[in-house]
């Protein structure tokens, strides 16, 4: 009798396990390349064009500040030469020294202005890039998830990003399970007519980190023997 009960309990347990397994949806995994979608989105292309324009304006303003500063440096050098002129009177030398000191203070303020402008511009542009990227990734992810759900996926993986050791998260995936192109068409369906789609799809590369504005290549405001104030 006990043996019969144990057998019945075992059969019941197997039946319950089988029913549970049958109730689970079949595993269907899809992949998507988020970096390719981000880089190929028309809004990203428009944003990059705006950033390049703003970087150019920032560079022009920086060049202007440096030009003003270096003009002060030339005047400073003239005053230093006059103060060291052996033919000049003591009064003239003293006056030239006073003017040189005033110019030096102006130069140091201009140096600080340049450094502040560079830092503020860099921070502002990087913040814009990060904010835009976060919003775009959220928007693209939402569309990708919607498409994956429509296709009955139980798991959607991003194949663009490398792991901590620099290896792709997904070493291989059948192209039949890749919905990147479908998501790209969906997120770019509102592309303005004036913003033509690229001739070829962007390469699947991780999204680049925020680039520092090119505001570090202009000539520095330098005074011989004098270091800028920190």
C-alpha atoms as a PDB file:
ATOM      1  CA  UNK A   1       0.000   0.000   0.000  1.00  0.00           C
ATOM      2  CA  UNK A   2       2.786   2.410   0.966  1.00  0.00           C
ATOM      3  CA  UNK A   3       4.642   1.530  -2.234  1.00  0.00           C
ATOM      4  CA  UNK A   4       1.544   2.311  -4.272  1.00  0.00           C
ATOM      5  CA  UNK A   5       1.133   5.694  -2.557  1.00  0.00           C
ATOM      6  CA  UNK A   6       4.784   6.580  -3.193  1.00  0.00           C
ATOM      7  CA  UNK A   7       4.387   5.649  -6.844  1.00  0.00           C
ATOM      8  CA  UNK A   8       1.268   7.780  -7.177  1.00  0.00           C
ATOM      9  CA  UNK A   9       2.996  10.717  -5.493  1.00  0.00           C
ATOM     10  CA  UNK A  10       5.984  10.347  -7.814  1.00  0.00           C
ATOM     11  CA  UNK A  11       3.740  10.299 -10.866  1.00  0.00           C
ATOM     12  CA  UNK A  12       1.914  13.368  -9.598  1.00  0.00           C
ATOM     13  CA  UNK A  13       5.201  15.218  -9.105  1.00  0.00           C
ATOM     14  CA  UNK A  14       6.356  14.323 -12.632  1.00  0.00           C
ATOM     15  CA  UNK A  15       3.041  15.446 -14.062  1.00  0.00           C
ATOM     16  CA  UNK A  16       3.275  18.767 -12.195  1.00  0.00           C
ATOM     17  CA  UNK A  17       6.843  19.320 -13.463  1.00  0.00           C
ATOM     18  CA  UNK A  18       5.829  18.508 -17.023  1.00  0.00           C
ATOM     19  CA  UNK A  19       2.880  20.868 -16.815  1.00  0.00           C
ATOM     20  CA  UNK A  20       5.129  23.642 -15.478  1.00  0.00           C
ATOM     21  CA  UNK A  21       7.658  23.153 -18.265  1.00  0.00           C
ATOM     22  CA  UNK A  22       4.916  23.149 -20.893  1.00  0.00           C
ATOM     23  CA  UNK A  23       3.516  26.377 -19.426  1.00  0.00           C
ATOM     24  CA  UNK A  24       6.801  28.222 -19.938  1.00  0.00           C
ATOM     25  CA  UNK A  25       7.096  30.120 -23.252  1.00  0.00           C
ATOM     26  CA  UNK A  26       9.620  28.826 -25.749  1.00  0.00           C
ATOM     27  CA  UNK A  27      12.899  30.721 -25.430  1.00  0.00           C
ATOM     28  CA  UNK A  28      13.408  33.160 -28.313  1.00  0.00           C
ATOM     29  CA  UNK A  29      16.459  35.408 -28.241  1.00  0.00           C
ATOM     30  CA  UNK A  30      16.918  38.399 -30.548  1.00  0.00           C
ATOM     31  CA  UNK A  31      19.894  40.741 -30.838  1.00  0.00           C
ATOM     32  CA  UNK A  32      20.293  44.390 -31.712  1.00  0.00           C
ATOM     33  CA  UNK A  33      23.261  46.715 -32.238  1.00  0.00           C
ATOM     34  CA  UNK A  34      22.537  49.811 -30.131  1.00  0.00           C
ATOM     35  CA  UNK A  35      25.732  51.627 -31.160  1.00  0.00           C
ATOM     36  CA  UNK A  36      24.890  51.252 -34.850  1.00  0.00           C
ATOM     37  CA  UNK A  37      21.358  52.477 -34.207  1.00  0.00           C
ATOM     38  CA  UNK A  38      22.598  55.478 -32.221  1.00  0.00           C
ATOM     39  CA  UNK A  39      25.230  56.466 -34.771  1.00  0.00           C
ATOM     40  CA  UNK A  40      22.839  56.001 -37.692  1.00  0.00           C
ATOM     41  CA  UNK A  41      19.910  57.902 -36.196  1.00  0.00           C
ATOM     42  CA  UNK A  42      19.121  61.104 -38.073  1.00  0.00           C
ATOM     43  CA  UNK A  43      18.803  63.003 -34.787  1.00  0.00           C
ATOM     44  CA  UNK A  44      22.355  61.983 -33.882  1.00  0.00           C
ATOM     45  CA  UNK A  45      23.599  63.255 -37.233  1.00  0.00           C
ATOM     46  CA  UNK A  46      21.791  66.564 -36.670  1.00  0.00           C
ATOM     47  CA  UNK A  47      23.136  66.869 -33.132  1.00  0.00           C
ATOM     48  CA  UNK A  48      26.698  66.171 -34.275  1.00  0.00           C
ATOM     49  CA  UNK A  49      26.379  68.900 -36.913  1.00  0.00           C
ATOM     50  CA  UNK A  50      25.198  71.370 -34.250  1.00  0.00           C
ATOM     51  CA  UNK A  51      28.059  70.415 -31.943  1.00  0.00           C
ATOM     52  CA  UNK A  52      30.612  70.878 -34.710  1.00  0.00           C
ATOM     53  CA  UNK A  53      29.181  74.341 -35.380  1.00  0.00           C
ATOM     54  CA  UNK A  54      29.298  75.263 -31.697  1.00  0.00           C
ATOM     55  CA  UNK A  55      32.848  73.935 -31.375  1.00  0.00           C
ATOM     56  CA  UNK A  56      33.864  76.110 -34.321  1.00  0.00           C
ATOM     57  CA  UNK A  57      32.298  79.178 -32.684  1.00  0.00           C
ATOM     58  CA  UNK A  58      34.042  78.347 -29.416  1.00  0.00           C
ATOM     59  CA  UNK A  59      37.365  78.011 -31.235  1.00  0.00           C
ATOM     60  CA  UNK A  60      36.876  81.400 -32.912  1.00  0.00           C
ATOM     61  CA  UNK A  61      36.129  83.010 -29.534  1.00  0.00           C
ATOM     62  CA  UNK A  62      39.183  81.352 -28.018  1.00  0.00           C
ATOM     63  CA  UNK A  63      41.367  82.605 -30.864  1.00  0.00           C
ATOM     64  CA  UNK A  64      40.022  86.103 -30.230  1.00  0.00           C
ATOM     65  CA  UNK A  65      40.854  85.930 -26.510  1.00  0.00           C
ATOM     66  CA  UNK A  66      44.339  84.632 -27.240  1.00  0.00           C
ATOM     67  CA  UNK A  67      44.912  87.373 -29.790  1.00  0.00           C
ATOM     68  CA  UNK A  68      43.885  90.005 -27.244  1.00  0.00           C
ATOM     69  CA  UNK A  69      46.138  88.447 -24.643  1.00  0.00           C
ATOM     70  CA  UNK A  70      49.145  88.241 -26.923  1.00  0.00           C
ATOM     71  CA  UNK A  71      48.580  91.883 -27.892  1.00  0.00           C
ATOM     72  CA  UNK A  72      48.927  92.747 -24.193  1.00  0.00           C
ATOM     73  CA  UNK A  73      52.099  90.668 -24.053  1.00  0.00           C
ATOM     74  CA  UNK A  74      53.672  92.724 -26.846  1.00  0.00           C
ATOM     75  CA  UNK A  75      52.852  95.954 -25.001  1.00  0.00           C
ATOM     76  CA  UNK A  76      54.263  94.432 -21.804  1.00  0.00           C
ATOM     77  CA  UNK A  77      57.530  93.614 -23.575  1.00  0.00           C
ATOM     78  CA  UNK A  78      57.778  97.212 -24.827  1.00  0.00           C
ATOM     79  CA  UNK A  79      57.345  98.563 -21.306  1.00  0.00           C
ATOM     80  CA  UNK A  80      59.956  96.134 -19.966  1.00  0.00           C
ATOM     81  CA  UNK A  81      62.409  97.242 -22.675  1.00  0.00           C
ATOM     82  CA  UNK A  82      61.764 100.904 -21.829  1.00  0.00           C
ATOM     83  CA  UNK A  83      62.283 100.275 -18.123  1.00  0.00           C
ATOM     84  CA  UNK A  84      65.645  98.655 -18.916  1.00  0.00           C
ATOM     85  CA  UNK A  85      66.761 101.329 -21.390  1.00  0.00           C
ATOM     86  CA  UNK A  86      70.006 102.791 -20.027  1.00  0.00           C
ATOM     87  CA  UNK A  87      69.379 106.026 -21.945  1.00  0.00           C
ATOM     88  CA  UNK A  88      65.986 106.576 -20.254  1.00  0.00           C
ATOM     89  CA  UNK A  89      65.618 108.820 -17.231  1.00  0.00           C
ATOM     90  CA  UNK A  90      64.836 107.358 -13.825  1.00  0.00           C
ATOM     91  CA  UNK A  91      61.351 108.860 -14.027  1.00  0.00           C
ATOM     92  CA  UNK A  92      60.738 107.290 -17.447  1.00  0.00           C
ATOM     93  CA  UNK A  93      62.005 103.936 -16.202  1.00  0.00           C
ATOM     94  CA  UNK A  94      59.772 104.066 -13.158  1.00  0.00           C
ATOM     95  CA  UNK A  95      56.747 104.960 -15.272  1.00  0.00           C
ATOM     96  CA  UNK A  96      57.508 102.118 -17.704  1.00  0.00           C
ATOM     97  CA  UNK A  97      57.843  99.682 -14.795  1.00  0.00           C
ATOM     98  CA  UNK A  98      54.454 100.760 -13.454  1.00  0.00           C
ATOM     99  CA  UNK A  99      52.837 100.315 -16.879  1.00  0.00           C
ATOM    100  CA  UNK A 100      54.506  96.925 -17.251  1.00  0.00           C
ATOM    101  CA  UNK A 101      53.106  95.807 -13.906  1.00  0.00           C
ATOM    102  CA  UNK A 102      49.580  96.893 -14.889  1.00  0.00           C
ATOM    103  CA  UNK A 103      49.892  95.088 -18.205  1.00  0.00           C
ATOM    104  CA  UNK A 104      51.148  91.977 -16.460  1.00  0.00           C
ATOM    105  CA  UNK A 105      48.080  91.946 -14.232  1.00  0.00           C
ATOM    106  CA  UNK A 106      45.849  92.343 -17.296  1.00  0.00           C
ATOM    107  CA  UNK A 107      47.671  89.474 -18.985  1.00  0.00           C
ATOM    108  CA  UNK A 108      47.192  87.213 -15.987  1.00  0.00           C
ATOM    109  CA  UNK A 109      43.479  88.051 -15.885  1.00  0.00           C
ATOM    110  CA  UNK A 110      43.248  87.292 -19.591  1.00  0.00           C
ATOM    111  CA  UNK A 111      45.023  83.971 -19.045  1.00  0.00           C
ATOM    112  CA  UNK A 112      42.481  83.083 -16.381  1.00  0.00           C
ATOM    113  CA  UNK A 113      39.662  84.154 -18.696  1.00  0.00           C
ATOM    114  CA  UNK A 114      40.987  81.847 -21.416  1.00  0.00           C
ATOM    115  CA  UNK A 115      41.342  78.910 -19.026  1.00  0.00           C
ATOM    116  CA  UNK A 116      37.847  79.477 -17.629  1.00  0.00           C
ATOM    117  CA  UNK A 117      36.379  79.748 -21.124  1.00  0.00           C
ATOM    118  CA  UNK A 118      38.053  76.500 -22.188  1.00  0.00           C
ATOM    119  CA  UNK A 119      36.854  74.600 -19.129  1.00  0.00           C
ATOM    120  CA  UNK A 120      33.311  75.956 -19.229  1.00  0.00           C
ATOM    121  CA  UNK A 121      32.987  75.259 -22.947  1.00  0.00           C
ATOM    122  CA  UNK A 122      34.319  71.728 -22.559  1.00  0.00           C
ATOM    123  CA  UNK A 123      31.982  70.980 -19.653  1.00  0.00           C
ATOM    124  CA  UNK A 124      28.976  72.457 -21.449  1.00  0.00           C
ATOM    125  CA  UNK A 125      29.509  70.499 -24.650  1.00  0.00           C
ATOM    126  CA  UNK A 126      30.213  67.254 -22.826  1.00  0.00           C
ATOM    127  CA  UNK A 127      27.066  67.674 -20.755  1.00  0.00           C
ATOM    128  CA  UNK A 128      25.037  68.260 -23.904  1.00  0.00           C
ATOM    129  CA  UNK A 129      26.499  65.123 -25.470  1.00  0.00           C
ATOM    130  CA  UNK A 130      25.778  63.003 -22.414  1.00  0.00           C
ATOM    131  CA  UNK A 131      22.230  64.303 -22.006  1.00  0.00           C
ATOM    132  CA  UNK A 132      21.446  63.803 -25.686  1.00  0.00           C
ATOM    133  CA  UNK A 133      22.946  60.311 -25.686  1.00  0.00           C
ATOM    134  CA  UNK A 134      20.934  59.239 -22.645  1.00  0.00           C
ATOM    135  CA  UNK A 135      17.678  60.444 -24.199  1.00  0.00           C
ATOM    136  CA  UNK A 136      18.432  58.824 -27.547  1.00  0.00           C
ATOM    137  CA  UNK A 137      19.435  55.479 -26.049  1.00  0.00           C
ATOM    138  CA  UNK A 138      16.208  55.474 -24.055  1.00  0.00           C
ATOM    139  CA  UNK A 139      14.159  56.285 -27.155  1.00  0.00           C
ATOM    140  CA  UNK A 140      15.887  53.677 -29.342  1.00  0.00           C
ATOM    141  CA  UNK A 141      15.711  51.036 -26.605  1.00  0.00           C
ATOM    142  CA  UNK A 142      11.970  51.544 -26.267  1.00  0.00           C
ATOM    143  CA  UNK A 143      11.432  50.980 -29.996  1.00  0.00           C
ATOM    144  CA  UNK A 144      13.752  47.957 -30.019  1.00  0.00           C
ATOM    145  CA  UNK A 145      11.876  46.371 -27.115  1.00  0.00           C
ATOM    146  CA  UNK A 146       8.498  46.991 -28.788  1.00  0.00           C
ATOM    147  CA  UNK A 147       9.650  45.289 -31.980  1.00  0.00           C
ATOM    148  CA  UNK A 148      11.197  42.396 -30.038  1.00  0.00           C
ATOM    149  CA  UNK A 149       7.916  41.858 -28.165  1.00  0.00           C
ATOM    150  CA  UNK A 150       5.940  41.890 -31.411  1.00  0.00           C
ATOM    151  CA  UNK A 151       8.223  39.144 -32.662  1.00  0.00           C
ATOM    152  CA  UNK A 152       7.588  37.086 -29.548  1.00  0.00           C
ATOM    153  CA  UNK A 153      11.094  37.449 -28.110  1.00  0.00           C
ATOM    154  CA  UNK A 154      11.725  36.414 -24.531  1.00  0.00           C
ATOM    155  CA  UNK A 155      15.164  38.041 -24.453  1.00  0.00           C
ATOM    156  CA  UNK A 156      16.734  40.947 -26.367  1.00  0.00           C
ATOM    157  CA  UNK A 157      20.513  41.405 -26.231  1.00  0.00           C
ATOM    158  CA  UNK A 158      22.697  44.339 -27.300  1.00  0.00           C
ATOM    159  CA  UNK A 159      25.669  43.068 -29.284  1.00  0.00           C
ATOM    160  CA  UNK A 160      27.521  46.377 -29.607  1.00  0.00           C
ATOM    161  CA  UNK A 161      29.282  46.836 -26.282  1.00  0.00           C
ATOM    162  CA  UNK A 162      32.494  45.094 -25.210  1.00  0.00           C
ATOM    163  CA  UNK A 163      32.890  43.309 -21.900  1.00  0.00           C
ATOM    164  CA  UNK A 164      35.365  44.359 -19.196  1.00  0.00           C
ATOM    165  CA  UNK A 165      38.113  42.459 -21.033  1.00  0.00           C
ATOM    166  CA  UNK A 166      37.319  44.140 -24.347  1.00  0.00           C
ATOM    167  CA  UNK A 167      35.471  41.233 -25.956  1.00  0.00           C
ATOM    168  CA  UNK A 168      32.060  41.626 -27.567  1.00  0.00           C
ATOM    169  CA  UNK A 169      29.151  40.521 -25.386  1.00  0.00           C
ATOM    170  CA  UNK A 170      27.986  38.264 -28.212  1.00  0.00           C
ATOM    171  CA  UNK A 171      30.624  36.380 -30.178  1.00  0.00           C
ATOM    172  CA  UNK A 172      28.190  35.030 -32.760  1.00  0.00           C
ATOM    173  CA  UNK A 173      24.565  35.478 -33.695  1.00  0.00           C
ATOM    174  CA  UNK A 174      22.600  34.319 -36.704  1.00  0.00           C
ATOM    175  CA  UNK A 175      21.590  37.332 -38.809  1.00  0.00           C
ATOM    176  CA  UNK A 176      18.056  35.999 -38.808  1.00  0.00           C
ATOM    177  CA  UNK A 177      17.812  36.933 -35.131  1.00  0.00           C
ATOM    178  CA  UNK A 178      19.224  40.446 -35.592  1.00  0.00           C
ATOM    179  CA  UNK A 179      16.532  43.150 -35.646  1.00  0.00           C
ATOM    180  CA  UNK A 180      18.904  46.130 -35.947  1.00  0.00           C
ATOM    181  CA  UNK A 181      17.867  47.062 -39.502  1.00  0.00           C
ATOM    182  CA  UNK A 182      14.185  46.787 -38.652  1.00  0.00           C
ATOM    183  CA  UNK A 183      14.612  49.009 -35.597  1.00  0.00           C
ATOM    184  CA  UNK A 184      16.659  51.478 -37.667  1.00  0.00           C
ATOM    185  CA  UNK A 185      13.859  51.815 -40.190  1.00  0.00           C
ATOM    186  CA  UNK A 186      11.371  52.412 -37.400  1.00  0.00           C
ATOM    187  CA  UNK A 187      13.366  55.050 -35.501  1.00  0.00           C
ATOM    188  CA  UNK A 188      14.293  56.859 -38.713  1.00  0.00           C
ATOM    189  CA  UNK A 189      10.829  56.828 -40.286  1.00  0.00           C
ATOM    190  CA  UNK A 190      10.388  60.522 -39.446  1.00  0.00           C
ATOM    191  CA  UNK A 191      13.718  61.556 -40.988  1.00  0.00           C
ATOM    192  CA  UNK A 192      13.250  64.990 -42.621  1.00  0.00           C
ATOM    193  CA  UNK A 193      13.457  65.021 -46.395  1.00  0.00           C
ATOM    194  CA  UNK A 194      16.398  67.425 -46.206  1.00  0.00           C
ATOM    195  CA  UNK A 195      18.313  64.935 -44.057  1.00  0.00           C
ATOM    196  CA  UNK A 196      19.198  62.188 -46.504  1.00  0.00           C
ATOM    197  CA  UNK A 197      19.912  58.738 -45.152  1.00  0.00           C
ATOM    198  CA  UNK A 198      23.566  57.619 -45.341  1.00  0.00           C
ATOM    199  CA  UNK A 199      24.502  55.616 -48.433  1.00  0.00           C
ATOM    200  CA  UNK A 200      25.776  52.759 -46.303  1.00  0.00           C
ATOM    201  CA  UNK A 201      24.904  51.701 -42.793  1.00  0.00           C
ATOM    202  CA  UNK A 202      27.429  52.740 -40.138  1.00  0.00           C
ATOM    203  CA  UNK A 203      29.841  50.100 -38.935  1.00  0.00           C
ATOM    204  CA  UNK A 204      28.884  48.279 -35.754  1.00  0.00           C
ATOM    205  CA  UNK A 205      31.141  50.009 -33.262  1.00  0.00           C
ATOM    206  CA  UNK A 206      30.560  51.038 -29.669  1.00  0.00           C
ATOM    207  CA  UNK A 207      29.340  54.573 -29.231  1.00  0.00           C
ATOM    208  CA  UNK A 208      32.284  56.899 -28.844  1.00  0.00           C
ATOM    209  CA  UNK A 209      32.819  58.652 -25.523  1.00  0.00           C
ATOM    210  CA  UNK A 210      32.090  62.309 -25.275  1.00  0.00           C
ATOM    211  CA  UNK A 211      34.796  64.168 -27.151  1.00  0.00           C
ATOM    212  CA  UNK A 212      36.479  67.150 -25.612  1.00  0.00           C
ATOM    213  CA  UNK A 213      35.961  70.344 -27.628  1.00  0.00           C
ATOM    214  CA  UNK A 214      38.892  71.304 -29.777  1.00  0.00           C
ATOM    215  CA  UNK A 215      39.721  74.400 -27.781  1.00  0.00           C
ATOM    216  CA  UNK A 216      43.227  73.432 -26.717  1.00  0.00           C
ATOM    217  CA  UNK A 217      45.129  73.942 -29.959  1.00  0.00           C
ATOM    218  CA  UNK A 218      45.343  77.746 -30.053  1.00  0.00           C
ATOM    219  CA  UNK A 219      48.553  79.596 -29.170  1.00  0.00           C
ATOM    220  CA  UNK A 220      48.865  80.246 -25.462  1.00  0.00           C
ATOM    221  CA  UNK A 221      49.181  83.658 -23.886  1.00  0.00           C
ATOM    222  CA  UNK A 222      52.741  83.442 -22.665  1.00  0.00           C
ATOM    223  CA  UNK A 223      54.972  85.980 -21.002  1.00  0.00           C
ATOM    224  CA  UNK A 224      58.740  85.269 -20.884  1.00  0.00           C
ATOM    225  CA  UNK A 225      59.686  84.323 -17.341  1.00  0.00           C
ATOM    226  CA  UNK A 226      56.095  84.528 -16.074  1.00  0.00           C
ATOM    227  CA  UNK A 227      53.794  81.550 -15.450  1.00  0.00           C
ATOM    228  CA  UNK A 228      49.996  81.819 -15.615  1.00  0.00           C
ATOM    229  CA  UNK A 229      48.190  82.003 -12.283  1.00  0.00           C
ATOM    230  CA  UNK A 230      46.464  78.753 -11.296  1.00  0.00           C
END
